[in-house]
Amino acid sequence: MNSQLNVQYAVACLKQLGDSQASGMRGADLGRLCGVPSDVLPDLLERLCQAGLVSVTEEGLYRLTRALEELTALEVLQAVWTEPKKQTPFRLLYQAARGATRKTLEAVAFTQSLNAYPGEAA
């Protein structure tokens, strides 16, 4: 990929997000408005998110994490030129285990709140 072109895409996306800061934008709409090819857009947005320049809402809307005027050129360059963090198999398993542990603890807390342990006389 052309890194200079990716920087231009990133700047265009950040500017567009700055213009629509109140509402946020879907990735596909952002790519279409900024002329970012669909094969480049996911990686670019992931890099901007990992750099902390952009966040994603639960609805899937992208927003700037702070005002456009507060972003520096160095931050944008580092976001585009730094390789995204890869999820190692260990990290994926660890995250899955954390989720299972959380669900187990929530079930225990719920059971305690009902004060209904199996085998206890009521």
N, C-alpha and C. Protein backbone atom coordinates (compact mmCIF):
# COMPACT_ATOMS: atom_id res chain seq x y z
N MET A 1 0.83 -1.19 0.00
CA MET A 1 0.00 0.00 0.00
C MET A 1 0.87 1.25 0.00
N ASN A 2 0.35 2.27 -0.57
CA ASN A 2 1.05 3.54 -0.64
C ASN A 2 0.83 4.30 0.67
N SER A 3 1.89 4.45 1.45
CA SER A 3 1.74 5.07 2.77
C SER A 3 1.37 6.55 2.66
N GLN A 4 1.84 7.23 1.64
CA GLN A 4 1.49 8.64 1.47
C GLN A 4 -0.01 8.78 1.17
N LEU A 5 -0.51 7.90 0.36
CA LEU A 5 -1.94 7.91 0.03
C LEU A 5 -2.78 7.57 1.27
N ASN A 6 -2.30 6.63 2.10
CA ASN A 6 -3.01 6.29 3.33
C ASN A 6 -3.06 7.46 4.30
N VAL A 7 -2.01 8.26 4.35
CA VAL A 7 -2.02 9.45 5.20
C VAL A 7 -3.07 10.43 4.69
N GLN A 8 -3.16 10.59 3.37
CA GLN A 8 -4.17 11.46 2.80
C GLN A 8 -5.58 10.96 3.11
N TYR A 9 -5.78 9.65 3.02
CA TYR A 9 -7.07 9.07 3.38
C TYR A 9 -7.39 9.34 4.85
N ALA A 10 -6.40 9.15 5.71
CA ALA A 10 -6.62 9.35 7.15
C ALA A 10 -7.00 10.79 7.45
N VAL A 11 -6.30 11.73 6.84
CA VAL A 11 -6.60 13.15 7.06
C VAL A 11 -8.00 13.48 6.56
N ALA A 12 -8.37 12.94 5.40
CA ALA A 12 -9.71 13.18 4.87
C ALA A 12 -10.78 12.62 5.81
N CYS A 13 -10.55 11.42 6.33
CA CYS A 13 -11.52 10.80 7.26
C CYS A 13 -11.62 11.61 8.55
N LEU A 14 -10.48 12.03 9.09
CA LEU A 14 -10.49 12.81 10.32
C LEU A 14 -11.22 14.13 10.12
N LYS A 15 -10.98 14.78 8.97
CA LYS A 15 -11.67 16.04 8.69
C LYS A 15 -13.17 15.82 8.60
N GLN A 16 -13.58 14.78 7.90
CA GLN A 16 -15.00 14.48 7.75
C GLN A 16 -15.63 14.17 9.11
N LEU A 17 -14.92 13.43 9.95
CA LEU A 17 -15.43 13.14 11.29
C LEU A 17 -15.50 14.40 12.14
N GLY A 18 -14.57 15.30 11.94
CA GLY A 18 -14.60 16.57 12.65
C GLY A 18 -15.80 17.41 12.25
N ASP A 19 -16.18 17.33 10.99
CA ASP A 19 -17.35 18.07 10.51
C ASP A 19 -18.65 17.47 11.01
N SER A 20 -18.67 16.17 11.28
CA SER A 20 -19.90 15.51 11.74
C SER A 20 -19.75 14.99 13.17
N GLN A 21 -19.01 15.71 13.99
CA GLN A 21 -18.67 15.25 15.33
C GLN A 21 -19.89 14.94 16.19
N ALA A 22 -20.94 15.71 16.08
CA ALA A 22 -22.11 15.52 16.95
C ALA A 22 -22.78 14.17 16.72
N SER A 23 -22.88 13.76 15.46
CA SER A 23 -23.63 12.55 15.17
C SER A 23 -22.76 11.32 14.94
N GLY A 24 -21.54 11.48 14.52
CA GLY A 24 -20.70 10.34 14.16
C GLY A 24 -21.07 9.84 12.77
N MET A 25 -20.30 8.87 12.27
CA MET A 25 -20.56 8.36 10.92
C MET A 25 -20.30 6.87 10.86
N ARG A 26 -21.04 6.20 10.03
CA ARG A 26 -20.78 4.79 9.75
C ARG A 26 -19.54 4.70 8.87
N GLY A 27 -18.81 3.61 9.01
CA GLY A 27 -17.57 3.43 8.26
C GLY A 27 -17.77 3.49 6.76
N ALA A 28 -18.80 2.82 6.27
CA ALA A 28 -19.04 2.80 4.82
C ALA A 28 -19.34 4.20 4.29
N ASP A 29 -20.12 4.98 5.05
CA ASP A 29 -20.44 6.34 4.62
C ASP A 29 -19.18 7.21 4.63
N LEU A 30 -18.38 7.02 5.64
CA LEU A 30 -17.14 7.78 5.76
C LEU A 30 -16.22 7.47 4.58
N GLY A 31 -16.07 6.20 4.26
CA GLY A 31 -15.23 5.81 3.14
C GLY A 31 -15.72 6.37 1.82
N ARG A 32 -17.04 6.32 1.63
CA ARG A 32 -17.63 6.83 0.38
C ARG A 32 -17.41 8.33 0.24
N LEU A 33 -17.66 9.08 1.32
CA LEU A 33 -17.51 10.54 1.26
C LEU A 33 -16.06 10.98 1.09
N CYS A 34 -15.14 10.19 1.64
CA CYS A 34 -13.72 10.57 1.58
C CYS A 34 -12.97 9.92 0.43
N GLY A 35 -13.64 9.05 -0.32
CA GLY A 35 -12.99 8.40 -1.45
C GLY A 35 -11.99 7.34 -1.05
N VAL A 36 -12.18 6.73 0.11
CA VAL A 36 -11.26 5.68 0.57
C VAL A 36 -11.75 4.34 0.01
N PRO A 37 -10.88 3.60 -0.67
CA PRO A 37 -11.28 2.30 -1.21
C PRO A 37 -11.75 1.36 -0.10
N SER A 38 -12.72 0.52 -0.41
CA SER A 38 -13.31 -0.37 0.59
C SER A 38 -12.31 -1.39 1.13
N ASP A 39 -11.25 -1.71 0.37
CA ASP A 39 -10.26 -2.66 0.87
C ASP A 39 -9.25 -2.00 1.82
N VAL A 40 -9.17 -0.68 1.81
CA VAL A 40 -8.24 0.06 2.66
C VAL A 40 -8.93 0.54 3.94
N LEU A 41 -10.21 0.83 3.85
CA LEU A 41 -10.95 1.47 4.94
C LEU A 41 -10.91 0.73 6.27
N PRO A 42 -11.18 -0.57 6.35
CA PRO A 42 -11.19 -1.24 7.66
C PRO A 42 -9.85 -1.13 8.39
N ASP A 43 -8.76 -1.35 7.67
CA ASP A 43 -7.43 -1.27 8.29
C ASP A 43 -7.14 0.16 8.75
N LEU A 44 -7.51 1.12 7.94
CA LEU A 44 -7.27 2.52 8.28
C LEU A 44 -8.04 2.92 9.54
N LEU A 45 -9.31 2.55 9.60
CA LEU A 45 -10.13 2.89 10.77
C LEU A 45 -9.62 2.16 12.02
N GLU A 46 -9.18 0.93 11.86
CA GLU A 46 -8.62 0.18 12.98
C GLU A 46 -7.37 0.89 13.53
N ARG A 47 -6.52 1.34 12.63
CA ARG A 47 -5.30 2.05 13.06
C ARG A 47 -5.64 3.36 13.78
N LEU A 48 -6.61 4.09 13.26
CA LEU A 48 -7.01 5.35 13.91
C LEU A 48 -7.63 5.09 15.28
N CYS A 49 -8.36 3.99 15.40
CA CYS A 49 -8.95 3.63 16.71
C CYS A 49 -7.86 3.21 17.69
N GLN A 50 -6.94 2.36 17.25
CA GLN A 50 -5.87 1.90 18.13
C GLN A 50 -4.97 3.05 18.58
N ALA A 51 -4.84 4.07 17.75
CA ALA A 51 -4.03 5.23 18.11
C ALA A 51 -4.77 6.16 19.05
N GLY A 52 -6.06 5.91 19.25
CA GLY A 52 -6.84 6.74 20.16
C GLY A 52 -7.34 8.03 19.53
N LEU A 53 -7.30 8.13 18.22
CA LEU A 53 -7.78 9.32 17.54
C LEU A 53 -9.28 9.23 17.25
N VAL A 54 -9.77 8.02 17.09
CA VAL A 54 -11.15 7.76 16.73
C VAL A 54 -11.69 6.68 17.66
N SER A 55 -12.98 6.76 17.96
CA SER A 55 -13.63 5.71 18.74
C SER A 55 -14.87 5.24 17.99
N VAL A 56 -15.34 4.06 18.38
CA VAL A 56 -16.53 3.48 17.76
C VAL A 56 -17.60 3.33 18.83
N THR A 57 -18.80 3.80 18.53
CA THR A 57 -19.90 3.67 19.48
C THR A 57 -20.51 2.27 19.36
N GLU A 58 -21.39 1.93 20.27
CA GLU A 58 -22.08 0.64 20.22
C GLU A 58 -22.92 0.51 18.96
N GLU A 59 -23.36 1.64 18.41
CA GLU A 59 -24.15 1.62 17.18
C GLU A 59 -23.29 1.48 15.94
N GLY A 60 -21.97 1.44 16.10
CA GLY A 60 -21.07 1.32 14.96
C GLY A 60 -20.71 2.63 14.30
N LEU A 61 -20.93 3.74 15.01
CA LEU A 61 -20.58 5.05 14.46
C LEU A 61 -19.19 5.44 14.90
N TYR A 62 -18.44 6.01 13.99
CA TYR A 62 -17.08 6.48 14.29
C TYR A 62 -17.13 7.95 14.67
N ARG A 63 -16.36 8.30 15.70
CA ARG A 63 -16.28 9.68 16.18
C ARG A 63 -14.84 9.99 16.56
N LEU A 64 -14.49 11.28 16.47
CA LEU A 64 -13.19 11.71 16.98
C LEU A 64 -13.19 11.62 18.50
N THR A 65 -12.05 11.30 19.06
CA THR A 65 -11.97 11.24 20.52
C THR A 65 -11.76 12.62 21.13
N ARG A 66 -11.32 13.55 20.33
CA ARG A 66 -11.18 14.94 20.77
C ARG A 66 -11.30 15.84 19.55
N ALA A 67 -11.33 17.13 19.79
CA ALA A 67 -11.53 18.09 18.69
C ALA A 67 -10.44 17.94 17.63
N LEU A 68 -10.84 18.15 16.40
CA LEU A 68 -9.91 18.03 15.28
C LEU A 68 -8.71 18.95 15.44
N GLU A 69 -8.92 20.14 15.99
CA GLU A 69 -7.84 21.11 16.17
C GLU A 69 -6.79 20.64 17.17
N GLU A 70 -7.14 19.68 18.02
CA GLU A 70 -6.21 19.18 19.04
C GLU A 70 -5.32 18.05 18.53
N LEU A 71 -5.66 17.49 17.36
CA LEU A 71 -4.86 16.41 16.80
C LEU A 71 -3.60 16.97 16.16
N THR A 72 -2.50 16.23 16.26
CA THR A 72 -1.25 16.68 15.66
C THR A 72 -0.93 15.82 14.43
N ALA A 73 -0.12 16.37 13.57
CA ALA A 73 0.31 15.64 12.38
C ALA A 73 1.09 14.39 12.79
N LEU A 74 1.89 14.50 13.83
CA LEU A 74 2.67 13.35 14.29
C LEU A 74 1.76 12.21 14.72
N GLU A 75 0.68 12.52 15.41
CA GLU A 75 -0.26 11.48 15.83
C GLU A 75 -0.87 10.76 14.63
N VAL A 76 -1.21 11.52 13.62
CA VAL A 76 -1.81 10.92 12.41
C VAL A 76 -0.79 10.05 11.71
N LEU A 77 0.44 10.54 11.57
CA LEU A 77 1.49 9.75 10.91
C LEU A 77 1.79 8.48 11.68
N GLN A 78 1.88 8.58 13.00
CA GLN A 78 2.14 7.39 13.80
C GLN A 78 0.99 6.39 13.68
N ALA A 79 -0.23 6.88 13.65
CA ALA A 79 -1.38 5.99 13.53
C ALA A 79 -1.35 5.23 12.21
N VAL A 80 -1.02 5.91 11.14
CA VAL A 80 -1.03 5.28 9.82
C VAL A 80 0.18 4.39 9.60
N TRP A 81 1.34 4.81 10.09
CA TRP A 81 2.57 4.08 9.81
C TRP A 81 2.87 2.97 10.82
N THR A 82 2.25 2.97 11.97
CA THR A 82 2.51 1.93 12.97
C THR A 82 1.65 0.72 12.65
N GLU A 83 2.26 -0.45 12.74
CA GLU A 83 1.51 -1.68 12.49
C GLU A 83 0.46 -1.87 13.57
N PRO A 84 -0.75 -2.27 13.20
CA PRO A 84 -1.79 -2.50 14.21
C PRO A 84 -1.42 -3.67 15.11
N LYS A 85 -1.88 -3.62 16.35
CA LYS A 85 -1.62 -4.69 17.30
C LYS A 85 -2.36 -5.94 16.86
N LYS A 86 -1.65 -7.04 16.87
CA LYS A 86 -2.27 -8.29 16.47
C LYS A 86 -2.78 -9.02 17.72
N GLN A 87 -3.88 -9.71 17.57
CA GLN A 87 -4.43 -10.51 18.66
C GLN A 87 -3.75 -11.87 18.61
N THR A 88 -2.94 -12.17 19.61
CA THR A 88 -2.29 -13.47 19.69
C THR A 88 -3.30 -14.51 20.17
N PRO A 89 -3.06 -15.78 19.87
CA PRO A 89 -3.98 -16.82 20.35
C PRO A 89 -4.13 -16.79 21.88
N PHE A 90 -3.04 -16.53 22.60
CA PHE A 90 -3.13 -16.47 24.05
C PHE A 90 -4.07 -15.35 24.49
N ARG A 91 -3.93 -14.18 23.87
CA ARG A 91 -4.78 -13.05 24.25
C ARG A 91 -6.25 -13.35 23.95
N LEU A 92 -6.52 -13.98 22.83
CA LEU A 92 -7.89 -14.33 22.50
C LEU A 92 -8.48 -15.29 23.54
N LEU A 93 -7.68 -16.31 23.94
CA LEU A 93 -8.15 -17.25 24.96
C LEU A 93 -8.33 -16.56 26.30
N TYR A 94 -7.40 -15.68 26.64
CA TYR A 94 -7.47 -14.96 27.91
C TYR A 94 -8.73 -14.10 27.96
N GLN A 95 -9.02 -13.40 26.87
CA GLN A 95 -10.21 -12.56 26.84
C GLN A 95 -11.48 -13.40 26.93
N ALA A 96 -11.49 -14.55 26.29
CA ALA A 96 -12.65 -15.44 26.37
C ALA A 96 -12.83 -15.95 27.80
N ALA A 97 -11.72 -16.31 28.45
CA ALA A 97 -11.78 -16.80 29.83
C ALA A 97 -12.27 -15.69 30.77
N ARG A 98 -11.83 -14.47 30.53
CA ARG A 98 -12.28 -13.35 31.36
C ARG A 98 -13.79 -13.18 31.24
N GLY A 99 -14.31 -13.31 30.03
CA GLY A 99 -15.75 -13.18 29.83
C GLY A 99 -16.51 -14.29 30.53
N ALA A 100 -15.99 -15.53 30.46
CA ALA A 100 -16.64 -16.66 31.14
C ALA A 100 -16.59 -16.48 32.65
N THR A 101 -15.46 -16.01 33.16
CA THR A 101 -15.33 -15.77 34.60
C THR A 101 -16.31 -14.70 35.04
N ARG A 102 -16.44 -13.66 34.26
CA ARG A 102 -17.37 -12.58 34.60
C ARG A 102 -18.81 -13.11 34.66
N LYS A 103 -19.18 -13.93 33.69
CA LYS A 103 -20.54 -14.49 33.68
C LYS A 103 -20.77 -15.39 34.89
N THR A 104 -19.76 -16.17 35.25
CA THR A 104 -19.88 -17.04 36.42
C THR A 104 -20.06 -16.22 37.68
N LEU A 105 -19.27 -15.16 37.83
CA LEU A 105 -19.39 -14.30 39.00
C LEU A 105 -20.74 -13.59 39.04
N GLU A 106 -21.25 -13.19 37.90
CA GLU A 106 -22.56 -12.56 37.86
C GLU A 106 -23.66 -13.55 38.26
N ALA A 107 -23.51 -14.81 37.83
CA ALA A 107 -24.49 -15.84 38.21
C ALA A 107 -24.45 -16.09 39.71
N VAL A 108 -23.24 -16.14 40.28
CA VAL A 108 -23.10 -16.34 41.72
C VAL A 108 -23.72 -15.16 42.48
N ALA A 109 -23.45 -13.96 42.03
CA ALA A 109 -24.01 -12.78 42.68
C ALA A 109 -25.53 -12.79 42.60
N PHE A 110 -26.06 -13.19 41.45
CA PHE A 110 -27.51 -13.26 41.29
C PHE A 110 -28.10 -14.30 42.24
N THR A 111 -27.44 -15.46 42.31
CA THR A 111 -27.91 -16.52 43.20
C THR A 111 -27.87 -16.05 44.65
N GLN A 112 -26.81 -15.35 45.03
CA GLN A 112 -26.71 -14.82 46.38
C GLN A 112 -27.81 -13.81 46.66
N SER A 113 -28.12 -13.01 45.65
CA SER A 113 -29.17 -12.01 45.86
C SER A 113 -30.54 -12.66 46.06
N LEU A 114 -30.73 -13.84 45.48
CA LEU A 114 -31.97 -14.58 45.69
C LEU A 114 -31.95 -15.37 46.99
N ASN A 115 -30.73 -15.53 47.54
CA ASN A 115 -30.54 -16.32 48.75
C ASN A 115 -31.11 -17.72 48.59
N ALA A 116 -30.83 -18.31 47.41
CA ALA A 116 -31.36 -19.64 47.11
C ALA A 116 -30.22 -20.53 46.62
N TYR A 117 -29.46 -21.08 47.54
CA TYR A 117 -28.39 -22.01 47.18
C TYR A 117 -28.95 -23.41 47.07
N PRO A 118 -28.50 -24.18 46.07
CA PRO A 118 -28.99 -25.55 45.95
C PRO A 118 -28.59 -26.36 47.18
N GLY A 119 -29.49 -27.18 47.66
CA GLY A 119 -29.20 -28.05 48.78
C GLY A 119 -29.47 -27.43 50.15
N GLU A 120 -29.75 -26.16 50.22
CA GLU A 120 -30.05 -25.51 51.50
C GLU A 120 -31.55 -25.58 51.75
N ALA A 121 -31.89 -25.77 52.98
CA ALA A 121 -33.30 -25.76 53.35
C ALA A 121 -33.80 -24.34 53.44
N ALA A 122 -34.98 -24.13 52.96
CA ALA A 122 -35.52 -22.79 52.97
C ALA A 122 -36.15 -22.43 54.28
